[in-house]
Amino acid sequence: MKKYLTTAVAALVSLFAVAQSEDPVLMLINGKEVKRSEFEYALNKNNATLGEDKKVVKDYLPMYIDFKLKVAEAETLGLDTLSTFLQELADNRAQIAEPYLIDNKYIEREAHNIYAKDSATIGVDGFLNLSHIFVPVNQKATPSEEAAIKARVDSAYAALKSGVSLKDAAAAINVPLNMLQPFEIIRGQAYKEFEDVAFSLADSSYSAPLRSPAGYHIIMRYGQRPFGQYSEYREAIISMLEQRGIRNVAKLMKGKELAKEFGGGITPEEALAREDSCLETKYPDFGHLMTEYRDGLLFFEVCTREVWNKAAEDSTGLAKFFKKNKKRYKFENPKYRGAVIYANSAEDIAKAQTLLKDAPQDKYRDILKENFYVDSVYTIRLEMGIFSVGDNAWVDKLAFGQGDGGKMKRGFELVDVVGEMLDAPESYKDVHGLVLNDYQRFLEEKWVKKLRKKYKYEVDKEVLKTVNNHN
């Protein structure tokens, strides 16, 4: 017995060593293992989107470490225990797992069966493209009423033979032009009398008047196209099958197949649940994708809290950052900071000019509501901003002295501008987007330095050498 246990333990150690050599641990981030395959997955997926700007291992490694440190911080903050996070992760996993839990071969077979059936139905005739002049005949029409209708259609036919277009021939007997819209038919879709003539016509030719149970027709045949290959219709066929619920059937089929593989004694539903529970280990790419999605959710949430929202809401910090780095922000050409005013009286224009002239732009709306809001209607309108030449046609004309102006805003007759010309930004608000981006980057760099001190991380340099370089 002792000998047996010793042999078993040795075998387990040997298996562990083989597994470790096949996918060794590349790094530890806050005590959490990152296997080589996980890093390779992230690196190769990243490079697949970069074209010529692919990252080599030594350049991508620090970026990946910083990413994992942010994930570690999110976990420390408990963001991975939030109900919203857990629900979103579960919903996404269910969506990603579905293809692994259905019998895709069954769906493909059913799609092929439908294609074969449709191909046989449509046959060698394919799709016929045509239009027609059509005059309906009421089932209760008298012989004289039908004779009058036939005479109308005969006159259209005579016009066609004389060289008149199908459109003009139809208009001459008051057939709506929308009745002439081209359409396609296949065998078995139309009345036999109609089909017999339509399929016997030569391309680009029209028929003599014919009677079907619905009325009188003159058919114009444009051409024919054959039934295509399976690949042309596969997407549409599978979409139709999915609308009919084939994925539920395919899931049941998969469950039955798995129940047999597991040795029986369990239901298809139980077999599917068992399979679902081990997808991450059974299919490495699935496991990597789920890790990527989980870490991505945590990364986004922690960055939103620690950097992006903080920067956006920190007006004091933005102002200080702008003041310290003011030389970094310049205008290539002068800009106009202010507003375009639309009004119906010179008095309102003058009043707005006076009230807004020395006011900060973020107060314009309050001033507008306090002074120009009458009976729930604004008597003036504003378009605010920092304008370059070409941004607004009225600013071009009235501030920069270029062009002829733009369109008058509906409901107003007069236009003017209020504001000032800037040769350089005076506040972070004048270059808000640029300053916000730079301030976020500044905060993130400080945060990453803090995380690198807070959490222990180490990389196995020998394993690193084997990234994308092993059998």
Protein backbone atom coordinates (compact mmCIF):
# COMPACT_ATOMS: atom_id res chain seq x y z
CA MET A 1 0.00 0.00 0.00
CA LYS A 2 2.80 2.38 0.96
CA LYS A 3 4.59 1.60 -2.29
CA TYR A 4 1.38 2.33 -4.22
CA LEU A 5 0.94 5.72 -2.53
CA THR A 6 4.55 6.64 -3.18
CA THR A 7 4.15 5.79 -6.85
CA ALA A 8 0.89 7.76 -7.08
CA VAL A 9 2.42 10.84 -5.48
CA ALA A 10 5.41 10.63 -7.80
CA ALA A 11 3.05 10.45 -10.77
CA LEU A 12 1.13 13.50 -9.59
CA VAL A 13 4.35 15.46 -9.09
CA SER A 14 5.45 14.42 -12.56
CA LEU A 15 2.14 15.53 -14.07
CA PHE A 16 2.38 18.85 -12.24
CA ALA A 17 5.90 19.38 -13.54
CA VAL A 18 4.76 18.67 -17.11
CA ALA A 19 1.82 21.07 -16.77
CA GLN A 20 4.08 23.73 -15.28
CA SER A 21 6.61 23.35 -18.09
CA GLU A 22 3.86 23.58 -20.69
CA ASP A 23 2.48 26.81 -19.23
CA PRO A 24 4.83 28.19 -16.57
CA VAL A 25 4.13 31.13 -14.29
CA LEU A 26 5.51 34.26 -15.89
CA MET A 27 4.87 36.76 -13.11
CA LEU A 28 3.35 37.30 -9.71
CA ILE A 29 1.23 40.43 -9.17
CA ASN A 30 0.32 40.98 -5.52
CA GLY A 31 0.83 37.24 -5.00
CA LYS A 32 -1.46 36.29 -7.91
CA GLU A 33 -0.02 34.09 -10.65
CA VAL A 34 -0.02 35.14 -14.30
CA LYS A 35 0.77 32.25 -16.62
CA ARG A 36 2.80 32.69 -19.78
CA SER A 37 -0.20 31.80 -21.95
CA GLU A 38 -2.27 34.60 -20.41
CA PHE A 39 0.40 37.18 -21.18
CA GLU A 40 0.87 35.79 -24.70
CA TYR A 41 -2.88 35.97 -25.30
CA ALA A 42 -2.99 39.64 -24.27
CA LEU A 43 0.17 40.56 -26.21
CA ASN A 44 -0.86 38.83 -29.42
CA LYS A 45 -4.42 40.14 -29.27
CA ASN A 46 -3.12 43.65 -28.73
CA ASN A 47 -0.68 43.36 -31.63
CA ALA A 48 -3.37 41.99 -33.94
CA THR A 49 -5.03 45.44 -33.85
CA LEU A 50 -1.88 47.56 -34.20
CA GLY A 51 -0.65 46.77 -37.70
CA GLU A 52 2.90 48.07 -38.07
CA ASP A 53 2.92 49.47 -34.52
CA LYS A 54 3.17 46.04 -32.88
CA LYS A 55 4.64 45.95 -29.37
CA VAL A 56 7.63 43.76 -28.65
CA VAL A 57 7.67 41.89 -25.35
CA LYS A 58 9.97 44.31 -23.51
CA ASP A 59 7.76 47.28 -24.46
CA TYR A 60 4.46 45.58 -23.70
CA LEU A 61 5.56 44.08 -20.36
CA PRO A 62 5.51 47.31 -18.26
CA MET A 63 2.14 48.29 -19.74
CA TYR A 64 0.75 44.89 -18.82
CA ILE A 65 2.18 45.06 -15.30
CA ASP A 66 0.57 48.48 -14.77
CA PHE A 67 -2.74 47.08 -16.03
CA LYS A 68 -2.55 44.17 -13.58
CA LEU A 69 -1.62 46.50 -10.72
CA LYS A 70 -4.76 48.53 -11.37
CA VAL A 71 -6.78 45.31 -11.33
CA ALA A 72 -5.13 44.42 -8.01
CA GLU A 73 -6.17 47.80 -6.63
CA ALA A 74 -9.73 47.24 -7.81
CA GLU A 75 -9.77 43.91 -5.97
CA THR A 76 -8.36 45.53 -2.83
CA LEU A 77 -11.18 48.10 -3.00
CA GLY A 78 -13.70 45.28 -3.28
CA LEU A 79 -14.93 46.28 -6.72
CA ASP A 80 -14.95 42.61 -7.71
CA THR A 81 -17.63 41.93 -5.08
CA LEU A 82 -20.11 44.57 -6.25
CA SER A 83 -23.44 43.13 -7.37
CA THR A 84 -23.37 45.22 -10.56
CA PHE A 85 -19.95 43.83 -11.47
CA LEU A 86 -20.91 40.25 -10.70
CA GLN A 87 -24.11 40.51 -12.73
CA GLU A 88 -22.40 42.04 -15.76
CA LEU A 89 -19.66 39.41 -15.60
CA ALA A 90 -22.22 36.60 -15.34
CA ASP A 91 -24.29 37.96 -18.23
CA ASN A 92 -21.23 38.27 -20.42
CA ARG A 93 -19.98 34.81 -19.51
CA ALA A 94 -23.32 33.27 -20.41
CA GLN A 95 -23.15 34.96 -23.81
CA ILE A 96 -19.56 33.87 -24.46
CA ALA A 97 -20.22 30.33 -23.19
CA GLU A 98 -23.27 29.69 -25.37
CA PRO A 99 -21.36 28.52 -28.48
CA TYR A 100 -19.61 25.92 -26.32
CA LEU A 101 -22.92 24.61 -24.99
CA ILE A 102 -24.83 24.03 -28.20
CA ASP A 103 -24.46 21.50 -31.02
CA ASN A 104 -23.19 23.78 -33.78
CA LYS A 105 -22.95 20.84 -36.19
CA TYR A 106 -26.68 20.27 -35.75
CA ILE A 107 -27.43 23.90 -36.67
CA GLU A 108 -25.14 23.66 -39.68
CA ARG A 109 -26.84 20.45 -40.86
CA GLU A 110 -30.27 22.04 -40.57
CA ALA A 111 -29.08 25.08 -42.51
CA HIS A 112 -27.70 22.83 -45.26
CA ASN A 113 -31.01 20.95 -45.37
CA ILE A 114 -32.96 24.17 -45.87
CA TYR A 115 -30.54 25.30 -48.54
CA ALA A 116 -30.88 21.97 -50.37
CA LYS A 117 -34.67 22.16 -50.17
CA ASP A 118 -34.77 25.75 -51.43
CA SER A 119 -32.28 24.93 -54.17
CA ALA A 120 -34.48 22.07 -55.35
CA THR A 121 -37.60 24.25 -55.20
CA ILE A 122 -36.09 27.12 -57.13
CA GLY A 123 -34.39 24.77 -59.55
CA VAL A 124 -32.67 25.71 -62.77
CA ASP A 125 -35.02 28.63 -63.40
CA GLY A 126 -33.54 30.62 -60.54
CA PHE A 127 -34.91 34.06 -59.73
CA LEU A 128 -36.78 35.96 -62.43
CA ASN A 129 -36.58 39.76 -62.35
CA LEU A 130 -39.52 41.55 -63.93
CA SER A 131 -42.22 44.20 -63.66
CA HIS A 132 -45.69 44.38 -65.16
CA ILE A 133 -48.58 46.58 -66.14
CA PHE A 134 -51.45 45.16 -64.14
CA VAL A 135 -55.14 46.05 -64.17
CA PRO A 136 -57.21 44.01 -61.70
CA VAL A 137 -60.61 42.55 -62.61
CA ASN A 138 -63.24 42.34 -59.89
CA GLN A 139 -64.66 38.83 -59.52
CA LYS A 140 -68.16 40.28 -59.89
CA ALA A 141 -67.28 42.30 -63.01
CA THR A 142 -69.79 42.06 -65.87
CA PRO A 143 -68.64 40.94 -69.34
CA SER A 144 -68.85 44.53 -70.56
CA GLU A 145 -66.75 45.82 -67.62
CA GLU A 146 -64.09 43.19 -68.26
CA ALA A 147 -64.11 43.97 -71.98
CA ALA A 148 -63.44 47.63 -71.16
CA ILE A 149 -60.49 46.66 -68.97
CA LYS A 150 -59.09 44.40 -71.68
CA ALA A 151 -59.41 47.21 -74.19
CA ARG A 152 -57.36 49.48 -71.92
CA VAL A 153 -54.61 46.90 -71.56
CA ASP A 154 -54.66 46.23 -75.32
CA SER A 155 -54.14 49.94 -75.95
CA ALA A 156 -51.11 49.93 -73.63
CA TYR A 157 -49.73 46.93 -75.52
CA ALA A 158 -50.21 48.74 -78.83
CA ALA A 159 -48.36 51.74 -77.42
CA LEU A 160 -45.47 49.49 -76.36
CA LYS A 161 -45.22 48.00 -79.84
CA SER A 162 -45.03 51.48 -81.28
CA GLY A 163 -41.96 52.26 -79.17
CA VAL A 164 -43.49 53.93 -76.11
CA SER A 165 -41.76 53.14 -72.78
CA LEU A 166 -43.37 50.86 -70.21
CA LYS A 167 -43.72 53.84 -67.86
CA ASP A 168 -45.54 55.97 -70.46
CA ALA A 169 -47.72 53.07 -71.61
CA ALA A 170 -48.82 52.47 -67.99
CA ALA A 171 -49.46 56.18 -67.40
CA ALA A 172 -51.63 56.36 -70.51
CA ILE A 173 -54.12 53.90 -68.98
CA ASN A 174 -53.83 55.33 -65.43
CA VAL A 175 -51.84 52.47 -63.91
CA PRO A 176 -49.93 53.82 -60.84
CA LEU A 177 -46.19 54.01 -61.45
CA ASN A 178 -45.45 52.19 -58.18
CA MET A 179 -47.04 49.13 -59.81
CA LEU A 180 -44.08 49.06 -62.19
CA GLN A 181 -41.48 48.50 -59.46
CA PRO A 182 -39.28 45.50 -60.45
CA PHE A 183 -39.61 42.37 -58.33
CA GLU A 184 -38.36 38.79 -58.32
CA ILE A 185 -40.32 35.55 -58.46
CA ILE A 186 -39.46 31.87 -58.41
CA ARG A 187 -41.45 28.92 -59.69
CA GLY A 188 -44.59 28.36 -57.64
CA GLN A 189 -45.01 31.92 -56.34
CA ALA A 190 -47.37 33.34 -58.96
CA TYR A 191 -50.42 32.23 -60.91
CA LYS A 192 -49.64 29.48 -63.42
CA GLU A 193 -50.89 31.61 -66.32
CA PHE A 194 -48.50 34.37 -65.23
CA GLU A 195 -45.51 32.06 -64.65
CA ASP A 196 -45.89 30.18 -67.93
CA VAL A 197 -45.52 33.41 -69.86
CA ALA A 198 -42.94 35.07 -67.61
CA PHE A 199 -40.51 32.13 -67.66
CA SER A 200 -40.88 31.69 -71.44
CA LEU A 201 -40.01 35.31 -72.27
CA ALA A 202 -36.56 36.32 -73.45
CA ASP A 203 -34.61 38.79 -71.32
CA SER A 204 -35.43 42.47 -71.99
CA SER A 205 -38.73 41.63 -73.68
CA TYR A 206 -42.40 42.10 -72.82
CA SER A 207 -45.43 39.89 -73.27
CA ALA A 208 -48.76 40.29 -74.99
CA PRO A 209 -51.67 40.94 -72.59
CA LEU A 210 -52.56 37.85 -70.58
CA ARG A 211 -55.40 37.02 -68.23
CA SER A 212 -54.80 35.55 -64.76
CA PRO A 213 -57.41 34.98 -62.03
CA ALA A 214 -56.45 38.41 -60.67
CA GLY A 215 -56.74 40.46 -63.87
CA TYR A 216 -54.83 41.48 -66.99
CA HIS A 217 -51.04 41.75 -67.18
CA ILE A 218 -48.34 42.86 -69.58
CA ILE A 219 -45.10 41.36 -68.27
CA MET A 220 -41.70 43.01 -68.77
CA ARG A 221 -38.86 40.56 -68.15
CA TYR A 222 -35.46 42.05 -67.31
CA GLY A 223 -33.32 39.02 -66.57
CA GLN A 224 -32.67 35.97 -64.47
CA ARG A 225 -30.16 35.04 -61.77
CA PRO A 226 -29.36 31.52 -60.64
CA PHE A 227 -29.69 30.23 -57.10
CA GLY A 228 -26.33 30.90 -55.42
CA GLN A 229 -23.93 28.81 -53.38
CA TYR A 230 -24.62 27.86 -49.76
CA SER A 231 -22.11 30.43 -48.49
CA GLU A 232 -24.22 33.24 -49.98
CA TYR A 233 -27.32 32.27 -47.97
CA ARG A 234 -25.83 30.71 -44.85
CA GLU A 235 -26.08 33.82 -42.65
CA ALA A 236 -29.70 34.50 -43.63
CA ILE A 237 -30.72 30.85 -43.20
CA ILE A 238 -29.13 30.58 -39.75
CA SER A 239 -30.73 33.87 -38.72
CA MET A 240 -34.12 32.46 -39.74
CA LEU A 241 -33.45 29.25 -37.82
CA GLU A 242 -32.48 31.21 -34.73
CA GLN A 243 -35.76 33.14 -34.90
CA ARG A 244 -37.49 29.76 -34.87
CA GLY A 245 -35.61 28.75 -31.70
CA ILE A 246 -33.08 26.32 -33.13
CA ARG A 247 -30.46 27.28 -30.54
CA ASN A 248 -32.65 25.83 -27.79
CA VAL A 249 -32.92 22.58 -29.72
CA ALA A 250 -29.19 22.58 -30.43
CA LYS A 251 -28.51 23.11 -26.73
CA LEU A 252 -30.65 20.09 -25.86
CA MET A 253 -28.81 18.04 -28.49
CA LYS A 254 -25.49 19.09 -26.94
CA GLY A 255 -26.77 18.12 -23.51
CA LYS A 256 -27.71 14.64 -24.70
CA GLU A 257 -24.30 14.22 -26.32
CA LEU A 258 -22.49 15.33 -23.16
CA ALA A 259 -24.63 13.07 -20.96
CA LYS A 260 -23.40 10.09 -23.00
CA GLU A 261 -19.78 11.29 -22.78
CA PHE A 262 -20.06 11.60 -18.99
CA GLY A 263 -21.20 7.97 -18.78
CA GLY A 264 -24.94 8.41 -18.48
CA GLY A 265 -27.05 8.62 -15.36
CA ILE A 266 -27.51 12.38 -15.64
CA THR A 267 -29.98 14.55 -17.52
CA PRO A 268 -28.97 16.73 -20.50
CA GLU A 269 -29.46 19.79 -18.30
CA GLU A 270 -27.13 18.40 -15.64
CA ALA A 271 -24.57 17.52 -18.29
CA LEU A 272 -24.67 21.06 -19.66
CA ALA A 273 -24.22 22.51 -16.17
CA ARG A 274 -21.20 20.27 -15.58
CA GLU A 275 -19.67 21.27 -18.92
CA ASP A 276 -20.34 24.94 -18.22
CA SER A 277 -18.52 24.72 -14.89
CA CYS A 278 -15.25 23.60 -16.50
CA LEU A 279 -15.13 25.70 -19.68
CA GLU A 280 -12.26 27.86 -18.41
CA THR A 281 -9.97 24.86 -17.89
CA LYS A 282 -11.17 22.81 -20.85
CA TYR A 283 -10.81 25.61 -23.41
CA PRO A 284 -7.81 27.90 -22.71
CA ASP A 285 -8.98 30.62 -25.09
CA PHE A 286 -12.31 30.79 -23.28
CA GLY A 287 -10.50 31.10 -19.97
CA HIS A 288 -8.25 33.85 -21.31
CA LEU A 289 -11.22 35.72 -22.77
CA MET A 290 -13.08 35.60 -19.47
CA THR A 291 -9.99 36.78 -17.59
CA GLU A 292 -9.60 39.59 -20.09
CA TYR A 293 -13.22 40.64 -19.71
CA ARG A 294 -13.19 40.37 -15.89
CA ASP A 295 -9.97 42.37 -15.58
CA GLY A 296 -11.20 44.85 -18.15
CA LEU A 297 -14.35 45.59 -16.14
CA LEU A 298 -12.34 46.10 -12.98
CA PHE A 299 -9.76 48.23 -14.80
CA PHE A 300 -12.44 50.50 -16.23
CA GLU A 301 -14.22 50.92 -12.92
CA VAL A 302 -11.10 51.63 -10.86
CA CYS A 303 -9.71 54.06 -13.47
CA THR A 304 -13.06 55.86 -13.59
CA ARG A 305 -13.00 56.31 -9.83
CA GLU A 306 -9.32 57.02 -9.32
CA VAL A 307 -8.45 59.06 -12.42
CA TRP A 308 -11.08 59.92 -15.01
CA ASN A 309 -13.87 61.20 -12.77
CA LYS A 310 -11.44 62.80 -10.36
CA ALA A 311 -9.82 64.77 -13.15
CA ALA A 312 -13.11 65.82 -14.72
CA GLU A 313 -14.53 67.04 -11.41
CA ASP A 314 -11.37 68.73 -10.11
CA SER A 315 -11.71 72.28 -11.43
CA THR A 316 -9.14 73.55 -8.94
CA GLY A 317 -6.62 70.91 -9.99
CA LEU A 318 -7.26 71.61 -13.67
CA ALA A 319 -6.69 75.33 -13.12
CA LYS A 320 -3.42 74.71 -11.21
CA PHE A 321 -2.22 72.22 -13.81
CA PHE A 322 -2.96 74.69 -16.62
CA LYS A 323 -1.19 77.52 -14.82
CA LYS A 324 1.89 75.37 -14.22
CA ASN A 325 2.01 74.13 -17.81
CA LYS A 326 0.65 77.20 -19.60
CA LYS A 327 3.50 77.31 -22.12
CA ARG A 328 2.41 73.90 -23.37
CA TYR A 329 -0.92 75.27 -24.64
CA LYS A 330 -0.82 77.67 -27.55
CA PHE A 331 -3.11 78.67 -30.40
CA GLU A 332 -1.69 78.37 -33.89
CA ASN A 333 -4.15 81.09 -34.93
CA PRO A 334 -6.32 83.51 -32.91
CA LYS A 335 -9.64 82.21 -31.56
CA TYR A 336 -12.84 84.00 -30.64
CA ARG A 337 -14.29 83.23 -27.20
CA GLY A 338 -17.91 84.22 -26.81
CA ALA A 339 -21.35 83.61 -28.28
CA VAL A 340 -23.48 84.16 -31.35
CA ILE A 341 -26.68 86.03 -30.39
CA TYR A 342 -29.94 85.55 -32.32
CA ALA A 343 -32.76 88.01 -31.60
CA ASN A 344 -35.69 89.87 -33.17
CA SER A 345 -34.91 93.38 -31.97
CA ALA A 346 -31.88 95.65 -31.85
CA GLU A 347 -32.81 96.41 -28.23
CA ASP A 348 -32.42 92.75 -27.21
CA ILE A 349 -29.11 92.52 -29.08
CA ALA A 350 -27.78 95.62 -27.29
CA LYS A 351 -29.03 94.40 -23.91
CA ALA A 352 -27.39 91.00 -24.38
CA GLN A 353 -24.14 92.63 -25.46
CA THR A 354 -24.09 94.72 -22.27
CA LEU A 355 -25.02 91.89 -19.89
CA LEU A 356 -22.69 89.28 -21.38
CA LYS A 357 -19.67 91.41 -22.23
CA ASP A 358 -17.75 90.94 -18.97
CA ALA A 359 -19.49 87.81 -17.72
CA PRO A 360 -17.82 84.37 -17.73
CA GLN A 361 -19.25 81.98 -20.28
CA ASP A 362 -20.49 79.53 -17.66
CA LYS A 363 -22.85 82.31 -16.46
CA TYR A 364 -24.31 83.06 -19.90
CA ARG A 365 -27.19 80.62 -19.50
CA ASP A 366 -28.20 82.04 -16.11
CA ILE A 367 -28.14 85.57 -17.50
CA LEU A 368 -30.14 84.45 -20.50
CA LYS A 369 -32.87 82.87 -18.35
CA GLU A 370 -33.03 85.81 -15.95
CA ASN A 371 -33.37 88.51 -18.61
CA PHE A 372 -34.73 86.97 -21.80
CA TYR A 373 -37.19 84.30 -20.64
CA VAL A 374 -40.71 85.59 -21.22
CA ASP A 375 -43.86 83.46 -20.94
CA SER A 376 -41.80 80.24 -21.03
CA VAL A 377 -40.09 81.34 -24.26
CA TYR A 378 -36.55 82.66 -24.79
CA THR A 379 -36.55 85.90 -26.76
CA ILE A 380 -32.91 85.36 -27.77
CA ARG A 381 -30.77 82.31 -28.53
CA LEU A 382 -27.04 81.76 -28.00
CA GLU A 383 -24.40 79.55 -29.58
CA MET A 384 -21.43 79.57 -27.20
CA GLY A 385 -17.89 78.37 -27.59
CA ILE A 386 -14.31 79.09 -28.50
CA PHE A 387 -14.32 79.45 -32.26
CA SER A 388 -11.62 79.08 -34.87
CA VAL A 389 -12.08 80.29 -38.43
CA GLY A 390 -14.43 77.82 -40.09
CA ASP A 391 -16.23 76.71 -36.90
CA ASN A 392 -19.18 79.08 -37.27
CA ALA A 393 -20.08 81.11 -40.36
CA TRP A 394 -21.47 84.05 -38.34
CA VAL A 395 -18.35 84.22 -36.15
CA ASP A 396 -16.26 84.11 -39.33
CA LYS A 397 -18.10 87.16 -40.67
CA LEU A 398 -18.76 89.24 -37.55
CA ALA A 399 -15.62 88.48 -35.52
CA PHE A 400 -12.96 87.46 -38.05
CA GLY A 401 -14.29 89.57 -40.94
CA GLN A 402 -14.42 86.61 -43.34
CA GLY A 403 -17.24 85.21 -45.45
CA ASP A 404 -20.89 86.15 -45.83
CA GLY A 405 -22.34 84.63 -42.66
CA GLY A 406 -24.53 81.58 -42.20
CA LYS A 407 -28.19 80.68 -41.99
CA MET A 408 -30.42 82.64 -39.64
CA LYS A 409 -31.78 80.52 -36.80
CA ARG A 410 -35.44 79.76 -37.37
CA GLY A 411 -37.77 82.29 -35.73
CA PHE A 412 -35.16 85.08 -35.49
CA GLU A 413 -34.28 88.00 -37.73
CA LEU A 414 -31.09 89.55 -36.26
CA VAL A 415 -27.68 88.16 -35.34
CA ASP A 416 -24.56 89.48 -33.63
CA VAL A 417 -21.62 88.20 -31.60
CA VAL A 418 -20.33 89.01 -28.13
CA GLY A 419 -16.96 88.01 -26.75
CA GLU A 420 -13.27 88.62 -27.26
CA MET A 421 -10.42 87.58 -29.50
CA LEU A 422 -7.73 85.41 -27.91
CA ASP A 423 -4.17 85.04 -29.13
CA ALA A 424 -3.48 82.43 -26.44
CA PRO A 425 -5.61 80.52 -23.91
CA GLU A 426 -6.21 82.43 -20.67
CA SER A 427 -7.86 79.62 -18.72
CA TYR A 428 -7.94 75.82 -18.82
CA LYS A 429 -11.52 76.21 -20.06
CA ASP A 430 -10.16 77.73 -23.27
CA VAL A 431 -8.39 74.43 -24.03
CA HIS A 432 -10.46 72.19 -21.78
CA GLY A 433 -10.11 68.96 -23.77
CA LEU A 434 -6.33 69.17 -24.04
CA VAL A 435 -5.83 70.11 -20.41
CA LEU A 436 -8.21 67.39 -19.19
CA ASN A 437 -6.36 64.72 -21.18
CA ASP A 438 -2.98 65.87 -19.91
CA TYR A 439 -4.23 66.19 -16.33
CA GLN A 440 -5.67 62.67 -16.45
CA ARG A 441 -2.33 61.38 -17.70
CA PHE A 442 -0.56 63.28 -14.91
CA LEU A 443 -2.86 61.81 -12.24
CA GLU A 444 -2.51 58.33 -13.70
CA GLU A 445 1.29 58.48 -13.66
CA LYS A 446 1.23 59.50 -9.99
CA TRP A 447 -1.27 56.74 -9.25
CA VAL A 448 0.80 54.06 -11.02
CA LYS A 449 3.93 55.05 -9.06
CA LYS A 450 1.91 54.65 -5.89
CA LEU A 451 0.62 51.24 -6.99
CA ARG A 452 4.13 50.04 -7.85
CA LYS A 453 5.17 50.84 -4.28
CA LYS A 454 2.01 49.43 -2.74
CA TYR A 455 1.97 46.03 -4.45
CA LYS A 456 4.74 43.51 -4.89
CA TYR A 457 5.30 42.21 -8.40
CA GLU A 458 7.99 40.02 -9.90
CA VAL A 459 8.73 38.60 -13.35
CA ASP A 460 10.50 35.32 -14.13
CA LYS A 461 13.08 36.51 -16.66
CA GLU A 462 13.81 32.99 -17.88
CA VAL A 463 10.16 32.35 -18.65
CA LEU A 464 9.95 35.80 -20.24
CA LYS A 465 12.55 34.70 -22.79
CA THR A 466 10.20 31.94 -23.94
CA VAL A 467 7.19 34.17 -24.66
CA ASN A 468 6.05 33.38 -28.23
CA ASN A 469 9.21 31.30 -28.51
CA HIS A 470 8.36 27.76 -27.44
CA ASN A 471 6.93 24.60 -28.95
